[in-house]
């Protein structure tokens, strides 16, 4: 092989290796993200407060081992803007990655009177109501709810992201949380 051909082949292999690190997210999926250790409810990462004034948070994250679990908490404040707060969460993983996302939600000052989600309703493990979606590609959870009483529909969310039958050791994913 000529030197020029060898250089092109080496460049192509380096490019393919870089792309294979994180096919969908373009970062090293085995890099521990800044929210670790957040693998249990007790260790969950607090993402702060969101409100119905349209709040969005985007995070580049990883599941750096086959059994890594990411748990996040956040509050949703009802500030009286255009009805009850609505929660939308998107997770997009690497190509062919089977992710699972569960959002558990509970009202702060009263019981839940209505709870609608676009996924499978599951029992909450921490006192709230749950919504689960799973599969390859982009996942989306949409939650609409109402708390008893007319004054305050603020609440508390627990979000868990895991993998089903991981094909590789590590996975990168992007998380977007949006409330309005």
N, C-alpha and C. Protein backbone atom coordinates (compact mmCIF):
# COMPACT_ATOMS: atom_id res chain seq x y z
N UNK A 1 0.85 -1.18 0.00
CA UNK A 1 0.00 0.00 0.00
C UNK A 1 0.90 1.23 0.00
N UNK A 2 0.54 2.20 -0.79
CA UNK A 2 1.30 3.44 -0.87
C UNK A 2 1.12 4.23 0.42
N UNK A 3 2.06 5.11 0.70
CA UNK A 3 2.00 5.93 1.92
C UNK A 3 0.74 6.77 1.96
N UNK A 4 0.33 7.33 0.80
CA UNK A 4 -0.88 8.14 0.74
C UNK A 4 -2.11 7.29 1.03
N UNK A 5 -2.17 6.08 0.48
CA UNK A 5 -3.29 5.17 0.74
C UNK A 5 -3.34 4.76 2.19
N UNK A 6 -2.19 4.52 2.81
CA UNK A 6 -2.13 4.16 4.22
C UNK A 6 -2.61 5.32 5.09
N UNK A 7 -2.24 6.53 4.75
CA UNK A 7 -2.68 7.71 5.50
C UNK A 7 -4.19 7.86 5.43
N UNK A 8 -4.77 7.70 4.24
CA UNK A 8 -6.23 7.80 4.08
C UNK A 8 -6.93 6.69 4.86
N UNK A 9 -6.41 5.49 4.81
CA UNK A 9 -7.01 4.37 5.54
C UNK A 9 -6.95 4.62 7.05
N UNK A 10 -5.82 5.13 7.53
CA UNK A 10 -5.67 5.43 8.96
C UNK A 10 -6.65 6.51 9.38
N UNK A 11 -6.79 7.56 8.54
CA UNK A 11 -7.73 8.65 8.83
C UNK A 11 -9.16 8.12 8.86
N UNK A 12 -9.52 7.27 7.91
CA UNK A 12 -10.87 6.70 7.86
C UNK A 12 -11.14 5.85 9.10
N UNK A 13 -10.20 5.02 9.49
CA UNK A 13 -10.37 4.19 10.69
C UNK A 13 -10.52 5.05 11.95
N UNK A 14 -9.75 6.11 12.07
CA UNK A 14 -9.85 7.00 13.22
C UNK A 14 -11.21 7.68 13.25
N UNK A 15 -11.71 8.09 12.09
CA UNK A 15 -13.02 8.72 12.01
C UNK A 15 -14.12 7.74 12.41
N UNK A 16 -14.05 6.51 11.89
CA UNK A 16 -15.05 5.50 12.24
C UNK A 16 -15.00 5.16 13.72
N UNK A 17 -13.82 5.08 14.30
CA UNK A 17 -13.70 4.79 15.72
C UNK A 17 -14.32 5.90 16.55
N UNK A 18 -14.10 7.15 16.16
CA UNK A 18 -14.68 8.28 16.90
C UNK A 18 -16.20 8.26 16.81
N UNK A 19 -16.73 7.95 15.62
CA UNK A 19 -18.18 7.90 15.46
C UNK A 19 -18.79 6.74 16.24
N UNK A 20 -18.07 5.64 16.38
CA UNK A 20 -18.62 4.49 17.08
C UNK A 20 -18.68 4.72 18.59
N UNK A 21 -17.94 5.71 19.11
CA UNK A 21 -18.00 6.00 20.54
C UNK A 21 -19.42 6.38 20.95
N UNK A 22 -20.03 7.23 20.19
CA UNK A 22 -21.37 7.70 20.52
C UNK A 22 -22.08 8.03 19.22
N UNK A 23 -22.68 7.04 18.61
CA UNK A 23 -23.27 7.20 17.29
C UNK A 23 -24.33 8.28 17.28
N UNK A 24 -25.19 8.33 18.30
CA UNK A 24 -26.24 9.33 18.31
C UNK A 24 -25.84 10.61 19.00
N UNK A 25 -24.98 10.56 19.99
CA UNK A 25 -24.71 11.71 20.84
C UNK A 25 -23.35 12.34 20.65
N UNK A 26 -22.45 11.72 19.92
CA UNK A 26 -21.14 12.26 19.58
C UNK A 26 -20.28 12.64 20.78
N UNK A 27 -20.25 11.80 21.80
CA UNK A 27 -19.34 11.97 22.92
C UNK A 27 -19.01 10.59 23.48
N UNK A 28 -18.00 10.52 24.31
CA UNK A 28 -17.56 9.25 24.87
C UNK A 28 -18.61 8.73 25.86
N UNK A 29 -19.31 7.64 25.53
CA UNK A 29 -20.37 7.14 26.40
C UNK A 29 -19.86 6.53 27.70
N UNK A 30 -18.57 6.21 27.77
CA UNK A 30 -18.02 5.62 28.99
C UNK A 30 -17.50 6.67 29.96
N UNK A 31 -17.56 7.93 29.57
CA UNK A 31 -17.15 9.02 30.46
C UNK A 31 -18.22 9.20 31.53
N UNK A 32 -17.81 9.22 32.78
CA UNK A 32 -18.76 9.43 33.88
C UNK A 32 -19.26 10.86 33.81
N UNK A 33 -20.59 11.06 33.78
CA UNK A 33 -21.11 12.42 33.70
C UNK A 33 -21.06 13.12 35.05
N UNK A 34 -21.28 14.40 35.05
CA UNK A 34 -21.11 15.23 36.26
C UNK A 34 -22.18 14.98 37.32
N UNK A 35 -23.21 14.18 37.03
CA UNK A 35 -24.26 13.93 38.01
C UNK A 35 -24.05 12.64 38.80
N UNK A 36 -23.03 11.85 38.47
CA UNK A 36 -22.77 10.61 39.21
C UNK A 36 -22.25 10.96 40.59
N UNK A 37 -22.56 10.24 41.61
CA UNK A 37 -23.33 9.02 41.68
C UNK A 37 -24.79 9.36 41.97
N UNK A 38 -25.64 9.02 41.03
CA UNK A 38 -27.07 9.26 41.17
C UNK A 38 -27.86 8.00 40.78
N UNK A 39 -27.41 6.86 41.28
CA UNK A 39 -27.98 5.59 40.88
C UNK A 39 -29.16 5.09 41.70
N UNK A 40 -29.48 5.77 42.80
CA UNK A 40 -30.61 5.36 43.63
C UNK A 40 -31.44 6.57 44.01
N UNK A 41 -32.60 6.32 44.56
CA UNK A 41 -33.47 7.41 45.02
C UNK A 41 -32.74 8.26 46.06
N UNK A 42 -32.01 7.61 46.95
CA UNK A 42 -31.30 8.33 48.01
C UNK A 42 -30.15 9.18 47.46
N UNK A 43 -29.57 8.79 46.34
CA UNK A 43 -28.44 9.51 45.74
C UNK A 43 -28.85 10.40 44.57
N UNK A 44 -30.13 10.50 44.28
CA UNK A 44 -30.60 11.23 43.10
C UNK A 44 -30.06 12.65 43.02
N UNK A 45 -29.89 13.13 41.80
CA UNK A 45 -29.39 14.48 41.55
C UNK A 45 -30.54 15.47 41.49
N UNK A 46 -30.43 16.55 42.27
CA UNK A 46 -31.45 17.59 42.31
C UNK A 46 -31.22 18.56 41.16
N UNK A 47 -32.20 18.66 40.25
CA UNK A 47 -32.10 19.56 39.11
C UNK A 47 -32.73 20.92 39.38
N UNK A 48 -33.22 21.13 40.61
CA UNK A 48 -33.77 22.44 40.97
C UNK A 48 -35.25 22.55 40.69
N UNK A 49 -35.69 23.77 40.39
CA UNK A 49 -37.10 24.05 40.19
C UNK A 49 -37.38 24.49 38.76
N UNK A 50 -38.51 24.02 38.26
CA UNK A 50 -39.05 24.42 36.97
C UNK A 50 -40.39 25.09 37.26
N UNK A 51 -40.94 25.79 36.29
CA UNK A 51 -42.25 26.42 36.53
C UNK A 51 -43.07 26.41 35.26
N UNK A 52 -44.32 26.90 35.39
CA UNK A 52 -45.18 27.00 34.22
C UNK A 52 -44.89 28.28 33.43
N UNK A 53 -43.78 28.94 33.73
CA UNK A 53 -43.32 30.10 32.94
C UNK A 53 -42.41 29.64 31.81
N UNK A 54 -42.53 28.42 31.39
CA UNK A 54 -41.76 27.78 30.32
C UNK A 54 -40.28 27.72 30.68
N UNK A 55 -39.93 26.60 31.23
CA UNK A 55 -38.57 26.32 31.67
C UNK A 55 -38.04 25.12 30.89
N UNK A 56 -36.78 25.18 30.43
CA UNK A 56 -36.17 24.07 29.69
C UNK A 56 -34.76 23.83 30.20
N UNK A 57 -34.40 22.56 30.31
CA UNK A 57 -33.05 22.16 30.70
C UNK A 57 -32.60 21.06 29.74
N UNK A 58 -31.40 21.21 29.16
CA UNK A 58 -30.81 20.21 28.28
C UNK A 58 -29.53 19.70 28.92
N UNK A 59 -29.38 18.37 29.01
CA UNK A 59 -28.20 17.78 29.63
C UNK A 59 -27.61 16.66 28.76
N UNK A 60 -26.30 16.68 28.53
CA UNK A 60 -25.62 15.55 27.90
C UNK A 60 -25.18 14.58 29.00
N UNK A 61 -25.67 13.34 28.96
CA UNK A 61 -25.44 12.39 30.05
C UNK A 61 -24.92 11.06 29.54
N UNK A 62 -24.50 10.21 30.48
CA UNK A 62 -24.05 8.87 30.12
C UNK A 62 -24.57 7.85 31.11
N UNK A 63 -24.73 6.64 30.61
CA UNK A 63 -24.91 5.45 31.44
C UNK A 63 -23.61 4.70 31.24
N UNK A 64 -22.65 4.93 32.14
CA UNK A 64 -21.25 4.55 31.91
C UNK A 64 -20.93 3.09 32.20
N UNK A 65 -21.90 2.31 32.66
CA UNK A 65 -21.75 0.87 32.80
C UNK A 65 -23.07 0.22 32.37
N UNK A 66 -23.07 -1.09 32.19
CA UNK A 66 -24.31 -1.76 31.75
C UNK A 66 -25.41 -1.68 32.80
N UNK A 67 -25.06 -1.55 34.08
CA UNK A 67 -26.09 -1.49 35.12
C UNK A 67 -26.26 -0.10 35.73
N UNK A 68 -25.71 0.93 35.08
CA UNK A 68 -25.86 2.30 35.58
C UNK A 68 -27.32 2.72 35.50
N UNK A 69 -27.77 3.43 36.51
CA UNK A 69 -29.11 4.00 36.59
C UNK A 69 -28.92 5.48 36.90
N UNK A 70 -29.69 6.34 36.25
CA UNK A 70 -29.65 7.77 36.56
C UNK A 70 -30.98 8.19 37.17
N UNK A 71 -30.91 8.82 38.35
CA UNK A 71 -32.10 9.29 39.06
C UNK A 71 -31.96 10.80 39.26
N UNK A 72 -33.01 11.52 38.90
CA UNK A 72 -33.03 12.98 39.02
C UNK A 72 -34.31 13.41 39.74
N UNK A 73 -34.21 14.51 40.50
CA UNK A 73 -35.36 15.13 41.15
C UNK A 73 -35.52 16.54 40.61
N UNK A 74 -36.75 17.00 40.56
CA UNK A 74 -36.98 18.42 40.31
C UNK A 74 -38.37 18.80 40.79
N UNK A 75 -38.52 20.06 41.14
CA UNK A 75 -39.81 20.61 41.55
C UNK A 75 -40.43 21.33 40.37
N UNK A 76 -41.75 21.33 40.32
CA UNK A 76 -42.48 22.10 39.31
C UNK A 76 -43.39 23.05 40.07
N UNK A 77 -43.14 24.35 39.89
CA UNK A 77 -43.94 25.37 40.59
C UNK A 77 -45.06 25.85 39.69
N UNK A 78 -46.25 25.91 40.26
CA UNK A 78 -47.40 26.49 39.58
C UNK A 78 -47.42 27.97 39.95
N UNK A 79 -47.07 28.81 38.98
CA UNK A 79 -47.04 30.25 39.22
C UNK A 79 -48.26 30.94 38.63
N UNK A 80 -49.31 30.17 38.32
CA UNK A 80 -50.55 30.75 37.84
C UNK A 80 -50.53 31.20 36.39
N UNK A 81 -49.61 30.69 35.60
CA UNK A 81 -49.51 31.08 34.19
C UNK A 81 -50.27 30.07 33.34
N UNK A 82 -51.36 30.47 32.72
CA UNK A 82 -52.06 29.66 31.72
C UNK A 82 -52.40 28.24 32.17
N UNK A 83 -53.03 28.10 33.32
CA UNK A 83 -53.47 26.78 33.78
C UNK A 83 -52.41 26.01 34.52
N UNK A 84 -52.64 24.71 34.68
CA UNK A 84 -51.70 23.85 35.41
C UNK A 84 -50.41 23.65 34.62
N UNK A 85 -49.29 23.45 35.30
CA UNK A 85 -48.05 23.14 34.59
C UNK A 85 -48.18 21.84 33.79
N UNK A 86 -47.46 21.78 32.70
CA UNK A 86 -47.37 20.58 31.87
C UNK A 86 -45.90 20.20 31.78
N UNK A 87 -45.62 18.90 31.82
CA UNK A 87 -44.24 18.42 31.81
C UNK A 87 -44.00 17.60 30.55
N UNK A 88 -42.92 17.93 29.83
CA UNK A 88 -42.47 17.16 28.67
C UNK A 88 -41.01 16.81 28.89
N UNK A 89 -40.68 15.54 28.68
CA UNK A 89 -39.30 15.08 28.82
C UNK A 89 -38.94 14.23 27.61
N UNK A 90 -37.77 14.53 27.03
CA UNK A 90 -37.27 13.76 25.90
C UNK A 90 -35.92 13.16 26.27
N UNK A 91 -35.71 11.92 25.87
CA UNK A 91 -34.42 11.26 25.99
C UNK A 91 -34.08 10.70 24.62
N UNK A 92 -32.87 11.02 24.15
CA UNK A 92 -32.42 10.46 22.88
C UNK A 92 -31.06 9.82 23.11
N UNK A 93 -31.02 8.51 22.87
CA UNK A 93 -29.80 7.76 23.07
C UNK A 93 -29.08 7.47 21.78
N UNK A 94 -28.07 6.65 21.91
CA UNK A 94 -27.31 6.22 20.74
C UNK A 94 -28.18 5.32 19.87
N UNK A 95 -27.77 5.17 18.62
CA UNK A 95 -28.49 4.29 17.70
C UNK A 95 -28.63 2.91 18.31
N UNK A 96 -29.79 2.31 18.19
CA UNK A 96 -30.15 0.96 18.63
C UNK A 96 -30.13 0.77 20.14
N UNK A 97 -29.94 1.82 20.90
CA UNK A 97 -29.95 1.70 22.36
C UNK A 97 -31.39 1.61 22.86
N UNK A 98 -31.65 0.66 23.75
CA UNK A 98 -32.98 0.46 24.33
C UNK A 98 -33.02 1.16 25.69
N UNK A 99 -33.53 2.38 25.73
CA UNK A 99 -33.62 3.14 26.97
C UNK A 99 -35.01 3.01 27.58
N UNK A 100 -35.08 3.24 28.87
CA UNK A 100 -36.35 3.27 29.60
C UNK A 100 -36.34 4.52 30.47
N UNK A 101 -37.46 5.23 30.46
CA UNK A 101 -37.60 6.44 31.25
C UNK A 101 -38.89 6.34 32.05
N UNK A 102 -38.80 6.59 33.36
CA UNK A 102 -39.97 6.59 34.23
C UNK A 102 -40.01 7.92 34.96
N UNK A 103 -41.14 8.61 34.86
CA UNK A 103 -41.36 9.85 35.60
C UNK A 103 -42.42 9.58 36.65
N UNK A 104 -42.05 9.79 37.91
CA UNK A 104 -43.02 9.69 39.00
C UNK A 104 -43.30 11.10 39.49
N UNK A 105 -44.58 11.42 39.66
CA UNK A 105 -44.95 12.79 40.03
C UNK A 105 -45.98 12.78 41.15
N UNK A 106 -45.82 13.75 42.06
CA UNK A 106 -46.79 13.92 43.13
C UNK A 106 -46.99 15.40 43.41
N UNK A 107 -48.19 15.75 43.83
CA UNK A 107 -48.50 17.13 44.19
C UNK A 107 -47.85 17.48 45.52
N UNK A 108 -47.48 18.74 45.68
CA UNK A 108 -46.79 19.20 46.89
C UNK A 108 -47.73 19.36 48.08
N UNK A 109 -48.90 19.96 47.86
CA UNK A 109 -49.77 20.34 48.97
C UNK A 109 -51.06 19.54 49.10
N UNK A 110 -51.34 18.65 48.16
CA UNK A 110 -52.58 17.89 48.21
C UNK A 110 -52.41 16.61 47.40
N UNK A 111 -53.47 15.85 47.30
CA UNK A 111 -53.46 14.62 46.50
C UNK A 111 -53.71 14.97 45.03
N UNK A 112 -53.33 14.06 44.16
CA UNK A 112 -53.55 14.20 42.73
C UNK A 112 -55.02 13.89 42.43
N UNK A 113 -55.68 14.78 41.70
CA UNK A 113 -57.06 14.51 41.30
C UNK A 113 -57.13 14.01 39.86
N UNK A 114 -56.18 14.40 39.01
CA UNK A 114 -56.10 13.93 37.62
C UNK A 114 -54.64 13.70 37.26
N UNK A 115 -54.39 12.67 36.47
CA UNK A 115 -53.03 12.38 36.00
C UNK A 115 -53.14 11.72 34.63
N UNK A 116 -52.62 12.40 33.62
CA UNK A 116 -52.63 11.86 32.26
C UNK A 116 -51.20 11.82 31.76
N UNK A 117 -50.85 10.69 31.11
CA UNK A 117 -49.53 10.60 30.49
C UNK A 117 -49.64 9.84 29.18
N UNK A 118 -48.67 10.08 28.30
CA UNK A 118 -48.70 9.45 26.99
C UNK A 118 -48.06 8.07 26.97
N UNK A 119 -47.56 7.60 28.10
CA UNK A 119 -46.92 6.29 28.17
C UNK A 119 -47.74 5.33 29.03
N UNK A 120 -47.08 4.29 29.49
CA UNK A 120 -47.70 3.30 30.36
C UNK A 120 -47.77 3.86 31.78
N UNK A 121 -48.95 3.84 32.37
CA UNK A 121 -49.07 4.27 33.77
C UNK A 121 -48.56 3.15 34.66
N UNK A 122 -47.68 3.51 35.58
CA UNK A 122 -47.09 2.53 36.49
C UNK A 122 -47.23 3.04 37.91
N UNK A 123 -47.26 2.12 38.89
CA UNK A 123 -47.34 2.57 40.28
C UNK A 123 -46.08 3.33 40.67
N UNK A 124 -46.26 4.40 41.41
CA UNK A 124 -45.11 5.15 41.91
C UNK A 124 -44.47 4.43 43.08
N UNK A 125 -43.16 4.51 43.18
CA UNK A 125 -42.45 3.87 44.28
C UNK A 125 -42.23 4.80 45.45
N UNK A 126 -42.51 6.10 45.26
CA UNK A 126 -42.18 7.09 46.29
C UNK A 126 -43.37 7.99 46.62
N UNK A 127 -44.59 7.49 46.45
CA UNK A 127 -45.79 8.23 46.83
C UNK A 127 -46.49 8.95 45.70
N UNK A 128 -45.95 8.94 44.49
CA UNK A 128 -46.58 9.63 43.36
C UNK A 128 -47.18 8.66 42.36
N UNK A 129 -47.57 9.18 41.22
CA UNK A 129 -48.08 8.39 40.11
C UNK A 129 -47.00 8.37 39.03
N UNK A 130 -46.88 7.24 38.31
CA UNK A 130 -45.79 7.09 37.37
C UNK A 130 -46.22 6.93 35.93
N UNK A 131 -45.31 7.34 35.03
CA UNK A 131 -45.48 7.19 33.59
C UNK A 131 -44.19 6.61 33.04
N UNK A 132 -44.29 5.54 32.22
CA UNK A 132 -43.12 4.84 31.71
C UNK A 132 -43.17 4.78 30.19
N UNK A 133 -42.00 5.04 29.55
CA UNK A 133 -41.83 4.81 28.12
C UNK A 133 -40.50 4.09 27.94
N UNK A 134 -40.42 3.25 26.91
CA UNK A 134 -39.19 2.49 26.66
C UNK A 134 -39.08 2.18 25.18
N UNK A 135 -37.84 2.01 24.72
CA UNK A 135 -37.61 1.61 23.35
C UNK A 135 -36.38 2.25 22.78
N UNK A 136 -36.13 2.00 21.49
CA UNK A 136 -34.99 2.63 20.82
C UNK A 136 -35.37 4.02 20.32
N UNK A 137 -34.38 4.79 19.94
CA UNK A 137 -34.65 6.11 19.38
C UNK A 137 -35.02 7.12 20.45
N UNK A 138 -35.69 8.18 20.01
CA UNK A 138 -36.09 9.24 20.94
C UNK A 138 -37.33 8.82 21.74
N UNK A 139 -37.26 8.99 23.05
CA UNK A 139 -38.39 8.72 23.93
C UNK A 139 -38.97 10.04 24.41
N UNK A 140 -40.29 10.06 24.62
CA UNK A 140 -40.95 11.29 25.06
C UNK A 140 -42.00 10.95 26.11
N UNK A 141 -41.99 11.68 27.21
CA UNK A 141 -43.05 11.60 28.21
C UNK A 141 -43.73 12.96 28.27
N UNK A 142 -45.06 12.94 28.23
CA UNK A 142 -45.87 14.14 28.42
C UNK A 142 -46.82 13.87 29.57
N UNK A 143 -46.78 14.72 30.60
CA UNK A 143 -47.64 14.56 31.77
C UNK A 143 -48.46 15.83 31.98
N UNK A 144 -49.76 15.64 32.10
CA UNK A 144 -50.70 16.69 32.50
C UNK A 144 -51.35 16.21 33.79
N UNK A 145 -51.56 17.11 34.73
CA UNK A 145 -52.09 16.68 36.02
C UNK A 145 -52.88 17.82 36.65
N UNK A 146 -53.61 17.48 37.69
CA UNK A 146 -54.33 18.46 38.50
C UNK A 146 -54.31 17.98 39.93
N UNK A 147 -54.05 18.90 40.83
CA UNK A 147 -54.08 18.59 42.26
C UNK A 147 -55.41 19.05 42.83
N UNK A 148 -55.89 18.38 43.89
CA UNK A 148 -57.13 18.82 44.52
C UNK A 148 -56.98 20.26 45.00
N UNK A 149 -58.05 21.03 44.87
CA UNK A 149 -58.03 22.44 45.24
C UNK A 149 -57.71 23.29 44.02
N UNK A 150 -57.97 24.56 44.14
CA UNK A 150 -57.81 25.46 43.00
C UNK A 150 -56.58 26.35 43.06
N UNK A 151 -55.87 26.34 44.16
CA UNK A 151 -54.83 27.35 44.33
C UNK A 151 -53.43 26.92 43.91
N UNK A 152 -53.06 25.68 44.16
CA UNK A 152 -51.66 25.32 43.95
C UNK A 152 -51.54 23.94 43.30
N UNK A 153 -50.96 23.92 42.12
CA UNK A 153 -50.72 22.66 41.43
C UNK A 153 -49.22 22.40 41.28
N UNK A 154 -48.47 22.83 42.29
CA UNK A 154 -47.03 22.57 42.31
C UNK A 154 -46.80 21.12 42.70
N UNK A 155 -45.64 20.60 42.31
CA UNK A 155 -45.36 19.20 42.63
C UNK A 155 -43.88 18.87 42.60
N UNK A 156 -43.62 17.58 42.78
CA UNK A 156 -42.28 17.04 42.88
C UNK A 156 -42.15 15.85 41.95
N UNK A 157 -41.07 15.81 41.16
CA UNK A 157 -40.86 14.75 40.18
C UNK A 157 -39.59 13.95 40.47
N UNK A 158 -39.68 12.65 40.22
CA UNK A 158 -38.53 11.75 40.26
C UNK A 158 -38.43 11.13 38.88
N UNK A 159 -37.31 11.34 38.20
CA UNK A 159 -37.09 10.81 36.86
C UNK A 159 -35.97 9.78 36.92
N UNK A 160 -36.24 8.58 36.36
CA UNK A 160 -35.25 7.51 36.32
C UNK A 160 -35.00 7.11 34.87
N UNK A 161 -33.73 7.01 34.49
CA UNK A 161 -33.35 6.58 33.14
C UNK A 161 -32.45 5.35 33.28
N UNK A 162 -32.83 4.27 32.58
CA UNK A 162 -32.06 3.02 32.59
C UNK A 162 -31.98 2.47 31.17
N UNK A 163 -31.31 1.32 31.02
CA UNK A 163 -31.21 0.65 29.72
C UNK A 163 -31.75 -0.77 29.85
N UNK A 164 -32.38 -1.24 28.78
CA UNK A 164 -32.85 -2.61 28.69
C UNK A 164 -31.95 -3.38 27.74
N UNK A 165 -31.43 -4.51 28.17
CA UNK A 165 -30.58 -5.37 27.34
C UNK A 165 -29.51 -4.57 26.62
N UNK A 166 -28.62 -3.92 27.38
CA UNK A 166 -27.63 -3.06 26.74
C UNK A 166 -26.73 -3.84 25.77
N UNK A 167 -26.58 -3.34 24.53
CA UNK A 167 -25.75 -4.03 23.55
C UNK A 167 -24.25 -3.78 23.75
N UNK A 168 -23.91 -2.70 24.44
CA UNK A 168 -22.51 -2.36 24.69
C UNK A 168 -22.37 -1.92 26.15
N UNK A 169 -21.14 -1.80 26.59
CA UNK A 169 -20.85 -1.44 27.98
C UNK A 169 -21.43 -0.09 28.38
N UNK A 170 -21.30 0.92 27.53
CA UNK A 170 -21.63 2.29 27.89
C UNK A 170 -22.59 2.91 26.87
N UNK A 171 -23.31 3.94 27.30
CA UNK A 171 -24.22 4.64 26.39
C UNK A 171 -24.29 6.11 26.76
N UNK A 172 -24.28 6.96 25.75
CA UNK A 172 -24.50 8.38 25.94
C UNK A 172 -25.94 8.69 25.57
N UNK A 173 -26.53 9.67 26.24
CA UNK A 173 -27.87 10.10 25.88
C UNK A 173 -28.04 11.57 26.21
N UNK A 174 -29.00 12.18 25.54
CA UNK A 174 -29.34 13.58 25.77
C UNK A 174 -30.70 13.62 26.46
N UNK A 175 -30.78 14.46 27.49
CA UNK A 175 -32.01 14.61 28.26
C UNK A 175 -32.49 16.05 28.12
N UNK A 176 -33.76 16.23 27.78
CA UNK A 176 -34.37 17.56 27.77
C UNK A 176 -35.63 17.53 28.62
N UNK A 177 -35.69 18.44 29.58
CA UNK A 177 -36.88 18.59 30.42
C UNK A 177 -37.47 19.96 30.12
N UNK A 178 -38.76 19.98 29.84
CA UNK A 178 -39.45 21.24 29.49
C UNK A 178 -40.76 21.30 30.28
N UNK A 179 -41.00 22.43 30.91
CA UNK A 179 -42.27 22.65 31.59
C UNK A 179 -42.86 23.95 31.08
N UNK A 180 -44.17 24.01 31.04
CA UNK A 180 -44.88 25.26 30.74
C UNK A 180 -46.29 25.20 31.26
